PDB file of N, CA and C in Angstrom:
ATOM      1  N   MET A   1     216.701  44.849  72.951  1.00  0.00           N
ATOM      2  CA  MET A   1     216.343  44.212  71.708  1.00  0.00           C
ATOM      3  C   MET A   1     216.473  42.704  71.850  1.00  0.00           C
ATOM      4  N   LEU A   2     217.577  42.244  72.431  1.00  0.00           N
ATOM      5  CA  LEU A   2     217.800  40.805  72.566  1.00  0.00           C
ATOM      6  C   LEU A   2     216.783  40.166  73.506  1.00  0.00           C
ATOM      7  N   GLN A   3     216.402  40.872  74.562  1.00  0.00           N
ATOM      8  CA  GLN A   3     215.391  40.345  75.482  1.00  0.00           C
ATOM      9  C   GLN A   3     214.052  40.195  74.789  1.00  0.00           C
ATOM     10  N   ARG A   4     213.702  41.144  73.939  1.00  0.00           N
ATOM     11  CA  ARG A   4     212.423  41.049  73.220  1.00  0.00           C
ATOM     12  C   ARG A   4     212.420  39.833  72.303  1.00  0.00           C
ATOM     13  N   ILE A   5     213.537  39.590  71.636  1.00  0.00           N
ATOM     14  CA  ILE A   5     213.640  38.422  70.758  1.00  0.00           C
ATOM     15  C   ILE A   5     213.583  37.144  71.593  1.00  0.00           C
ATOM     16  N   GLU A   6     214.313  37.140  72.694  1.00  0.00           N
ATOM     17  CA  GLU A   6     214.345  35.970  73.570  1.00  0.00           C
ATOM     18  C   GLU A   6     212.971  35.690  74.189  1.00  0.00           C
ATOM     19  N   ASN A   7     212.227  36.736  74.526  1.00  0.00           N
ATOM     20  CA  ASN A   7     210.888  36.565  75.093  1.00  0.00           C
ATOM     21  C   ASN A   7     209.907  35.929  74.123  1.00  0.00           C
ATOM     22  N   ARG A   8     210.197  36.021  72.832  1.00  0.00           N
ATOM     23  CA  ARG A   8     209.374  35.363  71.813  1.00  0.00           C
ATOM     24  C   ARG A   8     209.752  33.899  71.650  1.00  0.00           C
ATOM     25  N   ASN A   9     210.707  33.423  72.471  1.00  0.00           N
ATOM     26  CA  ASN A   9     211.243  32.065  72.377  1.00  0.00           C
ATOM     27  C   ASN A   9     212.000  31.829  71.075  1.00  0.00           C
ATOM     28  N   ALA A  10     212.549  32.884  70.513  1.00  0.00           N
ATOM     29  CA  ALA A  10     213.384  32.777  69.316  1.00  0.00           C
ATOM     30  C   ALA A  10     214.845  32.854  69.781  1.00  0.00           C
ATOM     31  N   ILE A  11     215.253  31.845  70.513  1.00  0.00           N
ATOM     32  CA  ILE A  11     216.560  31.848  71.169  1.00  0.00           C
ATOM     33  C   ILE A  11     217.698  31.894  70.154  1.00  0.00           C
ATOM     34  N   GLU A  12     217.609  31.072  69.132  1.00  0.00           N
ATOM     35  CA  GLU A  12     218.678  31.050  68.118  1.00  0.00           C
ATOM     36  C   GLU A  12     218.769  32.390  67.395  1.00  0.00           C
ATOM     37  N   THR A  13     217.624  33.000  67.128  1.00  0.00           N
ATOM     38  CA  THR A  13     217.609  34.312  66.481  1.00  0.00           C
ATOM     39  C   THR A  13     218.262  35.357  67.383  1.00  0.00           C
ATOM     40  N   ALA A  14     218.014  35.273  68.676  1.00  0.00           N
ATOM     41  CA  ALA A  14     218.634  36.210  69.621  1.00  0.00           C
ATOM     42  C   ALA A  14     220.150  36.060  69.606  1.00  0.00           C
ATOM     43  N   HIS A  15     220.624  34.831  69.537  1.00  0.00           N
ATOM     44  CA  HIS A  15     222.074  34.608  69.471  1.00  0.00           C
ATOM     45  C   HIS A  15     222.657  35.152  68.168  1.00  0.00           C
ATOM     46  N   ARG A  16     221.937  34.986  67.076  1.00  0.00           N
ATOM     47  CA  ARG A  16     222.414  35.539  65.798  1.00  0.00           C
ATOM     48  C   ARG A  16     222.415  37.062  65.821  1.00  0.00           C
ATOM     49  N   ALA A  17     221.405  37.650  66.452  1.00  0.00           N
ATOM     50  CA  ALA A  17     221.355  39.110  66.560  1.00  0.00           C
ATOM     51  C   ALA A  17     222.514  39.619  67.402  1.00  0.00           C
ATOM     52  N   LEU A  18     222.850  38.914  68.480  1.00  0.00           N
ATOM     53  CA  LEU A  18     223.995  39.291  69.307  1.00  0.00           C
ATOM     54  C   LEU A  18     225.284  39.189  68.502  1.00  0.00           C
ATOM     55  N   GLN A  19     225.396  38.154  67.706  1.00  0.00           N
ATOM     56  CA  GLN A  19     226.583  37.986  66.869  1.00  0.00           C
ATOM     57  C   GLN A  19     226.709  39.131  65.867  1.00  0.00           C
ATOM     58  N   ALA A  20     225.611  39.475  65.215  1.00  0.00           N
ATOM     59  CA  ALA A  20     225.636  40.574  64.241  1.00  0.00           C
ATOM     60  C   ALA A  20     225.945  41.906  64.922  1.00  0.00           C
ATOM     61  N   THR A  21     225.374  42.103  66.100  1.00  0.00           N
ATOM     62  CA  THR A  21     225.650  43.326  66.857  1.00  0.00           C
ATOM     63  C   THR A  21     227.129  43.408  67.216  1.00  0.00           C
ATOM     64  N   GLY A  22     227.698  42.285  67.611  1.00  0.00           N
ATOM     65  CA  GLY A  22     229.114  42.243  67.931  1.00  0.00           C
ATOM     66  C   GLY A  22     229.978  42.600  66.731  1.00  0.00           C
ATOM     67  N   GLN A  23     229.582  42.128  65.552  1.00  0.00           N
ATOM     68  CA  GLN A  23     230.329  42.456  64.337  1.00  0.00           C
ATOM     69  C   GLN A  23     230.285  43.957  64.058  1.00  0.00           C
ATOM     70  N   VAL A  24     229.126  44.551  64.253  1.00  0.00           N
ATOM     71  CA  VAL A  24     228.986  45.988  64.030  1.00  0.00           C
ATOM     72  C   VAL A  24     229.863  46.759  65.022  1.00  0.00           C
ATOM     73  N   PHE A  25     229.809  46.366  66.296  1.00  0.00           N
ATOM     74  CA  PHE A  25     230.598  47.069  67.308  1.00  0.00           C
ATOM     75  C   PHE A  25     232.097  46.865  67.108  1.00  0.00           C
ATOM     76  N   ARG A  26     232.501  45.654  66.677  1.00  0.00           N
ATOM     77  CA  ARG A  26     233.924  45.438  66.420  1.00  0.00           C
ATOM     78  C   ARG A  26     234.407  46.314  65.269  1.00  0.00           C
ATOM     79  N   TYR A  27     233.590  46.476  64.242  1.00  0.00           N
ATOM     80  CA  TYR A  27     233.941  47.358  63.131  1.00  0.00           C
ATOM     81  C   TYR A  27     234.017  48.802  63.627  1.00  0.00           C
ATOM     82  N   ALA A  28     233.015  49.200  64.406  1.00  0.00           N
ATOM     83  CA  ALA A  28     232.990  50.575  64.921  1.00  0.00           C
ATOM     84  C   ALA A  28     234.200  50.839  65.818  1.00  0.00           C
ATOM     85  N   GLU A  29     234.592  49.852  66.592  1.00  0.00           N
ATOM     86  CA  GLU A  29     235.769  50.004  67.449  1.00  0.00           C
ATOM     87  C   GLU A  29     237.044  50.108  66.611  1.00  0.00           C
ATOM     88  N   ALA A  30     237.132  49.295  65.577  1.00  0.00           N
ATOM     89  CA  ALA A  30     238.322  49.308  64.723  1.00  0.00           C
ATOM     90  C   ALA A  30     238.460  50.608  63.954  1.00  0.00           C
ATOM     91  N   THR A  31     237.362  51.250  63.660  1.00  0.00           N
ATOM     92  CA  THR A  31     237.402  52.503  62.902  1.00  0.00           C
ATOM     93  C   THR A  31     237.337  53.731  63.804  1.00  0.00           C
ATOM     94  N   GLY A  32     237.378  53.524  65.116  1.00  0.00           N
ATOM     95  CA  GLY A  32     237.421  54.634  66.051  1.00  0.00           C
ATOM     96  C   GLY A  32     236.098  55.314  66.322  1.00  0.00           C
ATOM     97  N   ARG A  33     235.004  54.663  65.988  1.00  0.00           N
ATOM     98  CA  ARG A  33     233.691  55.271  66.200  1.00  0.00           C
ATOM     99  C   ARG A  33     233.167  55.056  67.617  1.00  0.00           C
ATOM    100  N   VAL A  34     233.613  53.983  68.280  1.00  0.00           N
ATOM    101  CA  VAL A  34     233.238  53.716  69.677  1.00  0.00           C
ATOM    102  C   VAL A  34     234.497  53.335  70.444  1.00  0.00           C
ATOM    103  N   ASP A  35     234.411  53.413  71.768  1.00  0.00           N
ATOM    104  CA  ASP A  35     235.570  53.096  72.595  1.00  0.00           C
ATOM    105  C   ASP A  35     235.761  51.597  72.787  1.00  0.00           C
ATOM    106  N   ARG A  36     234.631  50.871  72.894  1.00  0.00           N
ATOM    107  CA  ARG A  36     234.745  49.436  73.133  1.00  0.00           C
ATOM    108  C   ARG A  36     233.522  48.712  72.594  1.00  0.00           C
ATOM    109  N   ASP A  37     233.650  47.405  72.460  1.00  0.00           N
ATOM    110  CA  ASP A  37     232.570  46.543  71.984  1.00  0.00           C
ATOM    111  C   ASP A  37     231.703  46.157  73.173  1.00  0.00           C
ATOM    112  N   ILE A  38     230.544  46.805  73.317  1.00  0.00           N
ATOM    113  CA  ILE A  38     229.694  46.534  74.479  1.00  0.00           C
ATOM    114  C   ILE A  38     228.961  45.199  74.367  1.00  0.00           C
ATOM    115  N   SER A  39     228.949  44.589  73.188  1.00  0.00           N
ATOM    116  CA  SER A  39     228.269  43.298  73.056  1.00  0.00           C
ATOM    117  C   SER A  39     229.009  42.196  73.810  1.00  0.00           C
ATOM    118  N   GLN A  40     230.300  42.394  74.077  1.00  0.00           N
ATOM    119  CA  GLN A  40     231.073  41.397  74.835  1.00  0.00           C
ATOM    120  C   GLN A  40     230.511  41.214  76.247  1.00  0.00           C
ATOM    121  N   ALA A  41     229.952  42.262  76.807  1.00  0.00           N
ATOM    122  CA  ALA A  41     229.378  42.174  78.152  1.00  0.00           C
ATOM    123  C   ALA A  41     228.129  41.304  78.177  1.00  0.00           C
ATOM    124  N   LEU A  42     227.535  41.052  77.022  1.00  0.00           N
ATOM    125  CA  LEU A  42     226.307  40.258  76.958  1.00  0.00           C
ATOM    126  C   LEU A  42     226.562  38.778  76.694  1.00  0.00           C
ATOM    127  N   LYS A  43     227.802  38.393  76.503  1.00  0.00           N
ATOM    128  CA  LYS A  43     228.122  36.981  76.293  1.00  0.00           C
ATOM    129  C   LYS A  43     227.688  36.191  77.516  1.00  0.00           C
ATOM    130  N   GLY A  44     226.938  35.140  77.309  1.00  0.00           N
ATOM    131  CA  GLY A  44     226.456  34.311  78.406  1.00  0.00           C
ATOM    132  C   GLY A  44     225.162  34.798  79.019  1.00  0.00           C
ATOM    133  N   ALA A  45     224.662  35.968  78.602  1.00  0.00           N
ATOM    134  CA  ALA A  45     223.426  36.503  79.179  1.00  0.00           C
ATOM    135  C   ALA A  45     222.179  35.875  78.565  1.00  0.00           C
ATOM    136  N   LEU A  46     222.305  35.342  77.369  1.00  0.00           N
ATOM    137  CA  LEU A  46     221.157  34.753  76.696  1.00  0.00           C
ATOM    138  C   LEU A  46     220.975  33.294  77.100  1.00  0.00           C
ATOM    139  N   THR A  47     219.752  32.831  77.002  1.00  0.00           N
ATOM    140  CA  THR A  47     219.458  31.425  77.241  1.00  0.00           C
ATOM    141  C   THR A  47     220.219  30.591  76.220  1.00  0.00           C
ATOM    142  N   PRO A  48     220.864  29.515  76.653  1.00  0.00           N
ATOM    143  CA  PRO A  48     221.602  28.687  75.697  1.00  0.00           C
ATOM    144  C   PRO A  48     220.665  28.055  74.670  1.00  0.00           C
ATOM    145  N   VAL A  49     221.186  27.858  73.475  1.00  0.00           N
ATOM    146  CA  VAL A  49     220.422  27.212  72.409  1.00  0.00           C
ATOM    147  C   VAL A  49     220.377  25.718  72.693  1.00  0.00           C
ATOM    148  N   ASN A  50     219.178  25.148  72.638  1.00  0.00           N
ATOM    149  CA  ASN A  50     219.040  23.705  72.810  1.00  0.00           C
ATOM    150  C   ASN A  50     219.380  23.025  71.503  1.00  0.00           C
ATOM    151  N   LYS A  51     220.490  22.332  71.502  1.00  0.00           N
ATOM    152  CA  LYS A  51     220.883  21.610  70.294  1.00  0.00           C
ATOM    153  C   LYS A  51     220.234  20.250  70.337  1.00  0.00           C
ATOM    154  N   GLY A  52     219.669  19.868  69.235  1.00  0.00           N
ATOM    155  CA  GLY A  52     219.009  18.581  69.187  1.00  0.00           C
ATOM    156  C   GLY A  52     219.137  17.971  67.806  1.00  0.00           C
ATOM    157  N   HIS A  53     218.505  16.862  67.653  1.00  0.00           N
ATOM    158  CA  HIS A  53     218.541  16.164  66.381  1.00  0.00           C
ATOM    159  C   HIS A  53     217.418  16.679  65.493  1.00  0.00           C
ATOM    160  N   PHE A  54     217.692  16.744  64.218  1.00  0.00           N
ATOM    161  CA  PHE A  54     216.678  17.133  63.254  1.00  0.00           C
ATOM    162  C   PHE A  54     216.063  15.864  62.684  1.00  0.00           C
ATOM    163  N   SER A  55     214.763  15.902  62.500  1.00  0.00           N
ATOM    164  CA  SER A  55     214.098  14.725  61.965  1.00  0.00           C
ATOM    165  C   SER A  55     214.489  14.520  60.509  1.00  0.00           C
ATOM    166  N   ALA A  56     214.451  13.284  60.086  1.00  0.00           N
ATOM    167  CA  ALA A  56     214.806  12.936  58.715  1.00  0.00           C
ATOM    168  C   ALA A  56     213.865  11.859  58.221  1.00  0.00           C
ATOM    169  N   ILE A  57     213.644  11.865  56.942  1.00  0.00           N
ATOM    170  CA  ILE A  57     212.830  10.818  56.330  1.00  0.00           C
ATOM    171  C   ILE A  57     213.750   9.655  56.013  1.00  0.00           C
ATOM    172  N   THR A  58     213.454   8.503  56.595  1.00  0.00           N
ATOM    173  CA  THR A  58     214.293   7.330  56.387  1.00  0.00           C
ATOM    174  C   THR A  58     213.557   6.203  55.679  1.00  0.00           C
ATOM    175  N   GLU A  59     212.256   6.294  55.600  1.00  0.00           N
ATOM    176  CA  GLU A  59     211.455   5.250  54.961  1.00  0.00           C
ATOM    177  C   GLU A  59     211.178   5.625  53.508  1.00  0.00           C
ATOM    178  N   PRO A  60     211.354   4.705  52.576  1.00  0.00           N
ATOM    179  CA  PRO A  60     211.104   4.999  51.164  1.00  0.00           C
ATOM    180  C   PRO A  60     209.675   5.480  50.883  1.00  0.00           C
ATOM    181  N   LYS A  61     208.692   4.938  51.607  1.00  0.00           N
ATOM    182  CA  LYS A  61     207.305   5.369  51.386  1.00  0.00           C
ATOM    183  C   LYS A  61     207.112   6.830  51.768  1.00  0.00           C
ATOM    184  N   GLN A  62     207.759   7.257  52.862  1.00  0.00           N
ATOM    185  CA  GLN A  62     207.664   8.655  53.276  1.00  0.00           C
ATOM    186  C   GLN A  62     208.369   9.560  52.271  1.00  0.00           C
ATOM    187  N   ALA A  63     209.489   9.101  51.732  1.00  0.00           N
ATOM    188  CA  ALA A  63     210.204   9.886  50.725  1.00  0.00           C
ATOM    189  C   ALA A  63     209.343  10.048  49.477  1.00  0.00           C
ATOM    190  N   ALA A  64     208.654   8.985  49.097  1.00  0.00           N
ATOM    191  CA  ALA A  64     207.777   9.051  47.922  1.00  0.00           C
ATOM    192  C   ALA A  64     206.647  10.051  48.155  1.00  0.00           C
ATOM    193  N   GLU A  65     206.086  10.043  49.362  1.00  0.00           N
ATOM    194  CA  GLU A  65     205.020  10.998  49.684  1.00  0.00           C
ATOM    195  C   GLU A  65     205.531  12.432  49.584  1.00  0.00           C
ATOM    196  N   LEU A  66     206.724  12.661  50.093  1.00  0.00           N
ATOM    197  CA  LEU A  66     207.305  14.005  50.034  1.00  0.00           C
ATOM    198  C   LEU A  66     207.512  14.443  48.583  1.00  0.00           C
ATOM    199  N   LEU A  67     208.056  13.567  47.759  1.00  0.00           N
ATOM    200  CA  LEU A  67     208.286  13.918  46.355  1.00  0.00           C
ATOM    201  C   LEU A  67     206.982  14.203  45.625  1.00  0.00           C
ATOM    202  N   ARG A  68     205.933  13.431  45.935  1.00  0.00           N
ATOM    203  CA  ARG A  68     204.625  13.696  45.316  1.00  0.00           C
ATOM    204  C   ARG A  68     204.071  15.043  45.790  1.00  0.00           C
ATOM    205  N   ALA A  69     204.259  15.368  47.058  1.00  0.00           N
ATOM    206  CA  ALA A  69     203.785  16.648  47.591  1.00  0.00           C
ATOM    207  C   ALA A  69     204.534  17.813  46.943  1.00  0.00           C
ATOM    208  N   ILE A  70     205.832  17.641  46.731  1.00  0.00           N
ATOM    209  CA  ILE A  70     206.613  18.682  46.052  1.00  0.00           C
ATOM    210  C   ILE A  70     206.116  18.851  44.625  1.00  0.00           C
ATOM    211  N   ASP A  71     205.841  17.744  43.959  1.00  0.00           N
ATOM    212  CA  ASP A  71     205.367  17.803  42.577  1.00  0.00           C
ATOM    213  C   ASP A  71     204.001  18.478  42.490  1.00  0.00           C
ATOM    214  N   ALA A  72     203.169  18.310  43.509  1.00  0.00           N
ATOM    215  CA  ALA A  72     201.826  18.894  43.510  1.00  0.00           C
ATOM    216  C   ALA A  72     201.812  20.335  44.007  1.00  0.00           C
ATOM    217  N   TYR A  73     202.941  20.851  44.463  1.00  0.00           N
ATOM    218  CA  TYR A  73     203.015  22.216  45.001  1.00  0.00           C
ATOM    219  C   TYR A  73     202.588  23.217  43.932  1.00  0.00           C
ATOM    220  N   SER A  74     201.725  24.148  44.310  1.00  0.00           N
ATOM    221  CA  SER A  74     201.193  25.090  43.320  1.00  0.00           C
ATOM    222  C   SER A  74     201.616  26.528  43.600  1.00  0.00           C
ATOM    223  N   GLY A  75     202.724  26.696  44.292  1.00  0.00           N
ATOM    224  CA  GLY A  75     203.212  28.044  44.592  1.00  0.00           C
ATOM    225  C   GLY A  75     204.009  28.614  43.432  1.00  0.00           C
ATOM    226  N   THR A  76     204.876  29.532  43.749  1.00  0.00           N
ATOM    227  CA  THR A  76     205.645  30.204  42.708  1.00  0.00           C
ATOM    228  C   THR A  76     206.654  29.254  42.074  1.00  0.00           C
ATOM    229  N   PHE A  77     207.066  29.610  40.866  1.00  0.00           N
ATOM    230  CA  PHE A  77     208.016  28.790  40.122  1.00  0.00           C
ATOM    231  C   PHE A  77     209.343  28.663  40.864  1.00  0.00           C
ATOM    232  N   ALA A  78     209.812  29.756  41.435  1.00  0.00           N
ATOM    233  CA  ALA A  78     211.109  29.737  42.122  1.00  0.00           C
ATOM    234  C   ALA A  78     211.080  28.803  43.329  1.00  0.00           C
ATOM    235  N   VAL A  79     210.004  28.853  44.110  1.00  0.00           N
ATOM    236  CA  VAL A  79     209.909  27.999  45.295  1.00  0.00           C
ATOM    237  C   VAL A  79     209.772  26.541  44.881  1.00  0.00           C
ATOM    238  N   LYS A  80     208.952  26.271  43.882  1.00  0.00           N
ATOM    239  CA  LYS A  80     208.784  24.888  43.422  1.00  0.00           C
ATOM    240  C   LYS A  80     210.104  24.347  42.896  1.00  0.00           C
ATOM    241  N   SER A  81     210.850  25.166  42.172  1.00  0.00           N
ATOM    242  CA  SER A  81     212.146  24.735  41.649  1.00  0.00           C
ATOM    243  C   SER A  81     213.114  24.423  42.785  1.00  0.00           C
ATOM    244  N   ALA A  82     213.123  25.274  43.811  1.00  0.00           N
ATOM    245  CA  ALA A  82     213.990  25.042  44.964  1.00  0.00           C
ATOM    246  C   ALA A  82     213.606  23.751  45.682  1.00  0.00           C
ATOM    247  N   LEU A  83     212.312  23.513  45.834  1.00  0.00           N
ATOM    248  CA  LEU A  83     211.859  22.287  46.478  1.00  0.00           C
ATOM    249  C   LEU A  83     212.259  21.054  45.671  1.00  0.00           C
ATOM    250  N   GLN A  84     212.194  21.160  44.349  1.00  0.00           N
ATOM    251  CA  GLN A  84     212.566  20.026  43.507  1.00  0.00           C
ATOM    252  C   GLN A  84     214.072  19.773  43.529  1.00  0.00           C
ATOM    253  N   LEU A  85     214.852  20.823  43.691  1.00  0.00           N
ATOM    254  CA  LEU A  85     216.303  20.663  43.739  1.00  0.00           C
ATOM    255  C   LEU A  85     216.809  20.171  45.090  1.00  0.00           C
ATOM    256  N   ALA A  86     216.099  20.492  46.153  1.00  0.00           N
ATOM    257  CA  ALA A  86     216.563  20.163  47.513  1.00  0.00           C
ATOM    258  C   ALA A  86     216.892  18.691  47.700  1.00  0.00           C
ATOM    259  N   PRO A  87     216.059  17.748  47.270  1.00  0.00           N
ATOM    260  CA  PRO A  87     216.419  16.332  47.480  1.00  0.00           C
ATOM    261  C   PRO A  87     217.676  15.907  46.713  1.00  0.00           C
ATOM    262  N   LEU A  88     218.000  16.612  45.661  1.00  0.00           N
ATOM    263  CA  LEU A  88     219.175  16.251  44.860  1.00  0.00           C
ATOM    264  C   LEU A  88     220.468  16.746  45.479  1.00  0.00           C
ATOM    265  N   MET A  89     220.379  17.656  46.436  1.00  0.00           N
ATOM    266  CA  MET A  89     221.561  18.285  47.025  1.00  0.00           C
ATOM    267  C   MET A  89     222.076  17.557  48.250  1.00  0.00           C
ATOM    268  N   LEU A  90     221.460  16.481  48.645  1.00  0.00           N
ATOM    269  CA  LEU A  90     221.888  15.769  49.849  1.00  0.00           C
ATOM    270  C   LEU A  90     223.067  14.929  49.618  1.00  0.00           C
TER     271      LEU A  90
END
């Protein structure tokens, strides 16, 4: 399963899936359903996640364009509301 996710170049998703699998196996081990957590053997087997910088809007003109685009959004009410709230949460 993890290889299929990794082959799609969804490296971070593969790491999250491994983490979730580990949680399931640790619970199963604690409750006596399995003998050991086999996800531990997969630690280090996945391609490392490339950590990088996330782009940010730093120019006032670009921020204005973004706010106008959010205001013009014609999708669902919930999504538009979330988009309008996002700049206020920084």
